[in-house]
Amino acid sequence: MTEMAGGGMAEPLLPELKASDIKSLTQEELLAEVASLGEKPFRAKQLYQWMHQKLARGYDEMTNLPKAFREKLREKYTYTSHTLVERRVSAVDGTEKYLFGLSDGNVIESVLMRYHFGNSVCISSQVGCRMGCRFCASTIGGLTRNLLPSEMLDQVYAIQRLTGERVSHLVVMGTGEPLDNYDHLLRFIRLLTDENGLNISQRNITVSTCGLVERIRDLAQERLQITLALSLHASSQEKRKALMPVAYRYELGDVLDACRYYFEQTGRRMTFEYSLVGGVNDTPQDAWQLAKLLGGMNCHINLIPVNPIKERDYVQSDQNVIAAFKNKLEKYGINVTIRREMGRDISGACGQLRKGYMEKNAPHKEDGIL
């Protein structure tokens, strides 16, 4: 397991993307694999449809594929299909939170949120996280490993299978830093938006980052039409350091320059996420500094009332303080909204459900394991 320290980042544990991970392959790659098995090209199209349109849970469901072909597939390729460990439904707003089991015994969480414009799913990009943000439960315990593209995809697929409802929007804001899993993230986005798969519009996808400058610039050069959301959470470099260890590696000015570059290359307006922590970053001075910092940028600020976790002493800002902060930003000409709180009664914040499960299922001394 790796963690991020104030002075730098260790290398994470990365599962290699292999041809044997069949659900992570593009249609062109799948065509080559099917040909290597001595099958005709149309079988690749059928197989791709079963995985990415019909959302088959395994080879046995692919009924129009010959049994002998399915046996070849079973012998040569792994097939990612998550196991549902827990499902919680909010009695307040209908938000659903899922805990999925992976083939190696790890667990990840995902969230389904229903809006008037359609269903949005928030997925995890890593098992754990090494960014160390002080107010986030996802990072407690550090990073275990990156998720494969197939493991990101099947969070969306599993939720569609379980609900019978189409997912039209996606946010990569769950456990993990997506740009810390850059190559797998790009492949995931391309598979999810493929017209031969779920065909979700790139414009309906938001990727959140705490500010990995080099990767923001790399992503800009891909010229995708996704929305990039920066977890800003502070109006100055010093305050950002107190909340987010990543600030010890990247100066705030460099991060914002990368965000401007992203807009220049893609034409996509930046979103800035700002978690309001009572008495820490919610003062009128913070609002003024934030407006000064972002003035002139084509951007939107999303104010987030912080979701308290027991391991930290941070508290949510008072509702009047939140409203005043928003009003002050608007007076300075900043486009701003307050994020609607969803799933609070079902451990809706990133990492909470997974962490609770791990604590409950951790081995104990009396079990003779530790």
Protein backbone atom coordinates (compact mmCIF):
# COMPACT_ATOMS: atom_id res chain seq x y z
CA MET A 1 0.00 0.00 0.00
CA THR A 2 1.30 3.47 -0.84
CA GLU A 3 0.56 6.82 0.68
CA MET A 4 1.27 10.38 -0.32
CA ALA A 5 3.59 12.37 1.89
CA GLY A 6 3.95 16.13 1.97
CA GLY A 7 7.16 16.09 -0.06
CA GLY A 8 6.21 13.74 -2.90
CA MET A 9 4.42 10.65 -4.10
CA ALA A 10 5.50 7.02 -4.14
CA GLU A 11 4.59 4.79 -7.03
CA PRO A 12 1.19 3.08 -6.63
CA LEU A 13 0.48 -0.60 -7.04
CA LEU A 14 -0.77 -0.93 -10.61
CA PRO A 15 -2.58 -3.90 -12.11
CA GLU A 16 -1.27 -4.33 -15.64
CA LEU A 17 -3.76 -4.03 -18.46
CA LYS A 18 -3.54 -7.31 -20.35
CA ALA A 19 -5.23 -8.68 -23.44
CA SER A 20 -6.76 -11.30 -21.16
CA ASP A 21 -8.92 -8.57 -19.54
CA ILE A 22 -11.52 -8.83 -22.25
CA LYS A 23 -13.92 -6.12 -21.11
CA SER A 24 -11.11 -3.51 -21.27
CA LEU A 25 -10.45 -4.14 -24.97
CA THR A 26 -11.60 -1.81 -27.74
CA GLN A 27 -13.64 -3.25 -30.59
CA GLU A 28 -10.56 -3.20 -32.84
CA GLU A 29 -8.47 -5.04 -30.25
CA LEU A 30 -11.28 -7.52 -29.71
CA LEU A 31 -11.43 -8.17 -33.44
CA ALA A 32 -7.75 -9.18 -33.41
CA GLU A 33 -8.23 -11.44 -30.39
CA VAL A 34 -11.23 -13.19 -31.93
CA ALA A 35 -9.28 -13.73 -35.17
CA SER A 36 -6.46 -15.31 -33.15
CA LEU A 37 -8.99 -17.88 -31.91
CA GLY A 38 -9.92 -18.78 -35.47
CA GLU A 39 -13.36 -17.15 -35.31
CA LYS A 40 -15.00 -14.95 -37.93
CA PRO A 41 -15.00 -11.13 -37.47
CA PHE A 42 -18.75 -10.85 -36.80
CA ARG A 43 -18.24 -12.82 -33.57
CA ALA A 44 -16.20 -9.91 -32.22
CA LYS A 45 -19.11 -7.54 -32.84
CA GLN A 46 -21.52 -9.93 -31.11
CA LEU A 47 -19.17 -10.31 -28.16
CA TYR A 48 -18.68 -6.56 -27.86
CA GLN A 49 -22.45 -6.01 -27.88
CA TRP A 50 -22.97 -8.59 -25.15
CA MET A 51 -20.40 -6.87 -22.93
CA HIS A 52 -21.14 -3.19 -23.58
CA GLN A 53 -24.76 -2.98 -24.74
CA LYS A 54 -26.55 -5.98 -23.25
CA LEU A 55 -24.33 -5.83 -20.14
CA ALA A 56 -23.94 -9.58 -19.81
CA ARG A 57 -22.70 -10.78 -16.42
CA GLY A 58 -20.70 -13.61 -17.98
CA TYR A 59 -20.15 -15.79 -21.01
CA ASP A 60 -23.08 -18.07 -20.19
CA GLU A 61 -25.52 -15.25 -20.98
CA MET A 62 -24.13 -14.85 -24.52
CA THR A 63 -26.61 -17.26 -26.03
CA ASN A 64 -25.97 -16.54 -29.72
CA LEU A 65 -22.28 -17.44 -29.38
CA PRO A 66 -21.40 -21.10 -30.02
CA LYS A 67 -20.69 -23.08 -26.87
CA ALA A 68 -17.22 -24.03 -28.12
CA PHE A 69 -16.37 -20.36 -28.66
CA ARG A 70 -17.59 -19.49 -25.18
CA GLU A 71 -15.35 -22.20 -23.74
CA LYS A 72 -12.35 -20.73 -25.56
CA LEU A 73 -13.19 -17.33 -24.14
CA ARG A 74 -13.56 -18.71 -20.63
CA GLU A 75 -10.16 -20.41 -20.82
CA LYS A 76 -8.24 -17.42 -22.16
CA TYR A 77 -9.90 -14.27 -20.85
CA THR A 78 -10.96 -12.93 -17.47
CA TYR A 79 -14.42 -11.40 -17.37
CA THR A 80 -15.05 -8.55 -14.95
CA SER A 81 -18.46 -8.67 -13.30
CA HIS A 82 -18.80 -7.10 -9.87
CA THR A 83 -20.47 -8.79 -6.94
CA LEU A 84 -23.01 -6.72 -5.02
CA VAL A 85 -21.92 -6.62 -1.37
CA GLU A 86 -24.30 -3.98 -0.07
CA ARG A 87 -26.95 -1.65 -1.44
CA ARG A 88 -28.39 1.28 0.49
CA VAL A 89 -31.28 3.49 -0.56
CA SER A 90 -31.79 6.93 0.97
CA ALA A 91 -35.17 7.46 2.57
CA VAL A 92 -34.68 11.18 2.04
CA ASP A 93 -33.96 11.55 -1.69
CA GLY A 94 -33.81 8.07 -3.23
CA THR A 95 -30.05 8.17 -3.77
CA GLU A 96 -28.60 4.67 -3.94
CA LYS A 97 -25.16 3.67 -2.73
CA TYR A 98 -23.49 0.42 -3.70
CA LEU A 99 -20.57 -1.53 -2.34
CA PHE A 100 -19.15 -3.87 -4.97
CA GLY A 101 -16.75 -6.76 -4.46
CA LEU A 102 -13.82 -7.22 -6.86
CA SER A 103 -12.30 -10.52 -7.94
CA ASP A 104 -9.27 -10.02 -5.65
CA GLY A 105 -11.38 -9.47 -2.51
CA ASN A 106 -11.19 -5.66 -2.48
CA VAL A 107 -14.36 -3.56 -2.30
CA ILE A 108 -15.27 -0.29 -4.01
CA GLU A 109 -18.26 2.01 -3.79
CA SER A 110 -20.48 3.76 -6.33
CA VAL A 111 -23.48 6.08 -6.08
CA LEU A 112 -26.63 6.51 -8.19
CA MET A 113 -28.27 9.94 -8.08
CA ARG A 114 -31.55 10.67 -9.83
CA TYR A 115 -32.02 14.16 -11.26
CA HIS A 116 -34.62 15.75 -13.51
CA PHE A 117 -32.13 15.56 -16.41
CA GLY A 118 -31.48 11.84 -15.93
CA ASN A 119 -29.61 9.32 -13.81
CA SER A 120 -26.06 10.15 -12.79
CA VAL A 121 -23.59 7.60 -11.42
CA CYS A 122 -20.53 8.47 -9.38
CA ILE A 123 -17.80 5.85 -9.67
CA SER A 124 -14.49 5.06 -7.99
CA SER A 125 -11.25 5.05 -9.99
CA GLN A 126 -8.99 3.43 -7.39
CA VAL A 127 -9.16 1.10 -4.40
CA GLY A 128 -8.34 3.66 -1.72
CA CYS A 129 -6.48 6.91 -2.40
CA ARG A 130 -3.04 8.32 -1.66
CA MET A 131 -3.84 12.04 -1.94
CA GLY A 132 -4.43 12.49 1.80
CA CYS A 133 -7.10 15.22 1.74
CA ARG A 134 -7.84 15.92 5.40
CA PHE A 135 -11.64 15.97 5.15
CA CYS A 136 -12.12 12.86 3.01
CA ALA A 137 -12.76 9.30 4.20
CA SER A 138 -11.54 7.83 0.89
CA THR A 139 -7.91 8.49 1.69
CA ILE A 140 -7.84 7.00 5.19
CA GLY A 141 -5.72 3.85 4.81
CA GLY A 142 -3.99 5.06 1.64
CA LEU A 143 -3.98 3.51 -1.82
CA THR A 144 -4.30 -0.22 -2.45
CA ARG A 145 -4.31 -0.22 -6.26
CA ASN A 146 -5.68 1.33 -9.42
CA LEU A 147 -8.85 0.04 -11.03
CA LEU A 148 -8.76 -1.45 -14.51
CA PRO A 149 -10.97 0.12 -17.21
CA SER A 150 -13.28 -2.90 -16.96
CA GLU A 151 -13.59 -2.40 -13.19
CA MET A 152 -14.63 1.21 -13.71
CA LEU A 153 -17.05 0.26 -16.49
CA ASP A 154 -18.77 -2.47 -14.54
CA GLN A 155 -19.75 -0.06 -11.76
CA VAL A 156 -21.94 1.67 -14.34
CA TYR A 157 -23.07 -1.59 -15.94
CA ALA A 158 -23.93 -3.23 -12.62
CA ILE A 159 -26.07 -0.27 -11.56
CA GLN A 160 -27.95 -0.32 -14.86
CA ARG A 161 -28.51 -4.07 -14.47
CA LEU A 162 -29.71 -3.70 -10.87
CA THR A 163 -32.08 -0.79 -11.48
CA GLY A 164 -33.18 -1.44 -15.04
CA GLU A 165 -32.73 2.31 -15.61
CA ARG A 166 -30.43 4.01 -18.12
CA VAL A 167 -27.45 5.97 -16.87
CA SER A 168 -27.03 9.18 -18.88
CA HIS A 169 -24.46 11.09 -16.82
CA LEU A 170 -21.28 10.08 -15.07
CA VAL A 171 -18.96 11.66 -12.52
CA VAL A 172 -15.58 10.17 -11.64
CA MET A 173 -15.57 11.59 -8.14
CA GLY A 174 -15.73 8.51 -5.96
CA THR A 175 -12.82 6.92 -4.14
CA GLY A 176 -9.45 7.69 -5.72
CA GLU A 177 -7.72 10.36 -7.81
CA PRO A 178 -8.72 9.68 -11.44
CA LEU A 179 -5.66 11.36 -12.97
CA ASP A 180 -3.47 9.15 -10.78
CA ASN A 181 -4.90 6.30 -12.88
CA TYR A 182 -4.56 8.23 -16.12
CA ASP A 183 -4.16 5.60 -18.85
CA HIS A 184 -6.91 3.37 -17.50
CA LEU A 185 -9.19 6.42 -17.12
CA LEU A 186 -8.76 7.40 -20.78
CA ARG A 187 -9.53 3.90 -22.00
CA PHE A 188 -12.57 3.74 -19.71
CA ILE A 189 -13.93 7.04 -21.10
CA ARG A 190 -13.46 5.90 -24.69
CA LEU A 191 -15.23 2.60 -24.05
CA LEU A 192 -18.10 4.25 -22.17
CA THR A 193 -18.66 6.82 -24.93
CA ASP A 194 -18.25 4.37 -27.82
CA GLU A 195 -21.30 4.44 -30.08
CA ASN A 196 -21.24 0.63 -30.04
CA GLY A 197 -21.49 0.56 -26.25
CA LEU A 198 -23.58 2.63 -23.81
CA ASN A 199 -22.76 5.66 -25.98
CA ILE A 200 -22.83 8.16 -23.10
CA SER A 201 -21.96 11.65 -24.35
CA GLN A 202 -18.53 12.96 -23.39
CA ARG A 203 -20.26 16.21 -22.45
CA ASN A 204 -22.16 14.28 -19.76
CA ILE A 205 -18.96 13.09 -18.07
CA THR A 206 -17.17 14.97 -15.28
CA VAL A 207 -13.74 13.97 -14.00
CA SER A 208 -12.55 15.37 -10.68
CA THR A 209 -8.92 15.95 -9.76
CA CYS A 210 -7.12 17.44 -6.77
CA GLY A 211 -4.68 19.06 -9.18
CA LEU A 212 -2.02 16.86 -10.79
CA VAL A 213 -0.63 19.56 -13.06
CA GLU A 214 1.17 17.39 -15.61
CA ARG A 215 -1.85 15.15 -16.06
CA ILE A 216 -4.26 18.09 -16.44
CA ARG A 217 -2.09 19.30 -19.30
CA ASP A 218 -1.93 15.81 -20.80
CA LEU A 219 -5.72 15.53 -20.60
CA ALA A 220 -6.13 18.92 -22.26
CA GLN A 221 -4.15 17.67 -25.25
CA GLU A 222 -6.56 14.75 -25.66
CA ARG A 223 -9.21 17.39 -26.49
CA LEU A 224 -12.02 15.35 -25.02
CA GLN A 225 -15.33 17.11 -24.42
CA ILE A 226 -15.59 16.07 -20.78
CA THR A 227 -15.88 18.51 -17.88
CA LEU A 228 -12.85 18.79 -15.63
CA ALA A 229 -13.54 19.62 -11.99
CA LEU A 230 -10.69 20.80 -9.78
CA SER A 231 -10.93 20.10 -6.07
CA LEU A 232 -9.79 23.55 -4.95
CA HIS A 233 -11.11 23.80 -1.37
CA ALA A 234 -8.98 26.82 -0.39
CA SER A 235 -8.43 30.41 -1.44
CA SER A 236 -4.66 30.43 -0.85
CA GLN A 237 -1.65 28.12 -1.14
CA GLU A 238 -1.13 27.99 2.63
CA LYS A 239 -4.73 27.05 3.41
CA ARG A 240 -4.66 24.49 0.63
CA LYS A 241 -1.57 22.90 2.20
CA ALA A 242 -3.44 22.56 5.49
CA LEU A 243 -6.30 20.71 3.79
CA MET A 244 -4.64 18.92 0.87
CA PRO A 245 -1.10 17.46 0.97
CA VAL A 246 -0.97 17.60 -2.85
CA ALA A 247 -0.43 21.36 -2.43
CA TYR A 248 3.08 20.64 -1.14
CA ARG A 249 3.93 19.36 -4.60
CA TYR A 250 2.05 21.82 -6.78
CA GLU A 251 1.82 25.59 -6.38
CA LEU A 252 -1.72 26.90 -6.69
CA GLY A 253 -0.70 29.27 -9.48
CA ASP A 254 0.65 26.35 -11.54
CA VAL A 255 -2.56 24.38 -10.95
CA LEU A 256 -4.73 27.27 -12.14
CA ASP A 257 -2.49 27.83 -15.16
CA ALA A 258 -3.05 24.18 -16.09
CA CYS A 259 -6.81 24.71 -15.73
CA ARG A 260 -6.65 27.72 -18.05
CA TYR A 261 -4.73 25.58 -20.52
CA TYR A 262 -7.45 22.91 -20.30
CA PHE A 263 -10.07 25.50 -21.24
CA GLU A 264 -7.92 26.85 -24.09
CA GLN A 265 -7.46 23.39 -25.59
CA THR A 266 -10.99 22.05 -25.13
CA GLY A 267 -13.31 25.05 -24.86
CA ARG A 268 -14.86 23.35 -21.82
CA ARG A 269 -15.64 25.58 -18.85
CA MET A 270 -13.81 24.59 -15.67
CA THR A 271 -15.62 23.60 -12.51
CA PHE A 272 -14.03 24.31 -9.13
CA GLU A 273 -15.14 22.21 -6.16
CA TYR A 274 -14.93 24.04 -2.84
CA SER A 275 -15.77 22.13 0.36
CA LEU A 276 -16.83 24.56 3.06
CA VAL A 277 -15.29 23.63 6.42
CA GLY A 278 -16.62 25.53 9.42
CA GLY A 279 -14.15 28.12 10.68
CA VAL A 280 -11.42 26.99 8.27
CA ASN A 281 -12.15 28.26 4.76
CA ASP A 282 -15.61 29.86 4.94
CA THR A 283 -14.91 33.46 6.00
CA PRO A 284 -15.79 36.62 4.04
CA GLN A 285 -12.03 37.05 3.49
CA ASP A 286 -11.91 33.56 1.92
CA ALA A 287 -14.76 34.50 -0.41
CA TRP A 288 -12.96 37.68 -1.46
CA GLN A 289 -9.66 35.87 -2.03
CA LEU A 290 -11.42 33.13 -3.99
CA ALA A 291 -13.14 35.65 -6.25
CA LYS A 292 -9.83 37.44 -6.80
CA LEU A 293 -8.11 34.13 -7.55
CA LEU A 294 -10.63 33.00 -10.17
CA GLY A 295 -11.72 36.36 -11.55
CA GLY A 296 -11.68 36.47 -15.35
CA MET A 297 -11.74 32.68 -15.75
CA ASN A 298 -14.55 30.94 -17.59
CA CYS A 299 -15.54 28.80 -14.63
CA HIS A 300 -18.19 27.65 -12.21
CA ILE A 301 -17.74 27.18 -8.46
CA ASN A 302 -19.56 24.32 -6.76
CA LEU A 303 -19.80 24.94 -3.02
CA ILE A 304 -19.95 21.70 -1.02
CA PRO A 305 -21.02 21.62 2.63
CA VAL A 306 -18.35 19.26 3.99
CA ASN A 307 -19.60 15.85 5.11
CA PRO A 308 -18.12 15.30 8.60
CA ILE A 309 -16.23 12.05 9.27
CA LYS A 310 -15.43 10.74 12.74
CA GLU A 311 -11.66 10.56 12.15
CA ARG A 312 -11.41 14.33 11.58
CA ASP A 313 -12.47 17.30 13.68
CA TYR A 314 -13.76 19.30 10.73
CA VAL A 315 -17.38 20.41 10.87
CA GLN A 316 -19.83 21.66 8.27
CA SER A 317 -20.26 25.41 7.93
CA ASP A 318 -23.46 26.91 9.29
CA GLN A 319 -26.21 27.24 6.67
CA ASN A 320 -26.24 31.01 7.05
CA VAL A 321 -22.48 31.13 6.53
CA ILE A 322 -22.82 28.98 3.39
CA ALA A 323 -25.52 31.27 2.00
CA ALA A 324 -23.48 34.38 2.80
CA PHE A 325 -20.39 32.88 1.14
CA LYS A 326 -22.38 32.17 -2.01
CA ASN A 327 -23.91 35.65 -2.06
CA LYS A 328 -20.53 37.32 -1.68
CA LEU A 329 -19.08 35.32 -4.59
CA GLU A 330 -22.06 36.27 -6.76
CA LYS A 331 -21.53 39.96 -5.90
CA TYR A 332 -17.98 39.55 -7.19
CA GLY A 333 -19.38 38.21 -10.47
CA ILE A 334 -18.60 34.54 -9.92
CA ASN A 335 -20.93 31.82 -11.25
CA VAL A 336 -21.65 29.66 -8.19
CA THR A 337 -24.06 27.02 -6.88
CA ILE A 338 -24.38 25.06 -3.64
CA ARG A 339 -24.24 21.34 -4.23
CA ARG A 340 -27.42 19.60 -3.20
CA GLU A 341 -26.66 17.19 -0.36
CA MET A 342 -27.66 13.68 -1.33
CA GLY A 343 -27.44 10.38 0.49
CA ARG A 344 -26.44 11.81 3.87
CA ASP A 345 -28.48 9.14 5.66
CA ILE A 346 -26.68 6.31 3.81
CA SER A 347 -23.03 7.35 4.26
CA GLY A 348 -23.19 9.23 0.97
CA ALA A 349 -19.78 10.90 1.16
CA CYS A 350 -16.82 9.42 -0.69
CA GLY A 351 -15.26 6.48 1.09
CA GLN A 352 -17.61 6.25 4.05
CA LEU A 353 -19.42 3.05 3.12
CA ARG A 354 -16.24 1.23 2.09
CA LYS A 355 -14.41 2.32 5.23
CA GLY A 356 -17.27 1.17 7.46
CA TYR A 357 -17.32 -2.21 5.73
CA MET A 358 -13.56 -2.65 6.10
CA GLU A 359 -13.67 -1.78 9.80
CA LYS A 360 -16.51 -4.21 10.38
CA ASN A 361 -14.78 -7.01 8.50
CA ALA A 362 -11.20 -6.39 9.66
CA PRO A 363 -9.50 -9.40 11.29
CA HIS A 364 -9.22 -9.30 15.07
CA LYS A 365 -6.65 -10.67 17.47
CA GLU A 366 -9.16 -13.07 18.92
CA ASP A 367 -9.55 -14.61 15.48
CA GLY A 368 -5.92 -15.71 15.66
CA ILE A 369 -5.09 -13.67 12.55
CA LEU A 370 -3.25 -10.69 14.00
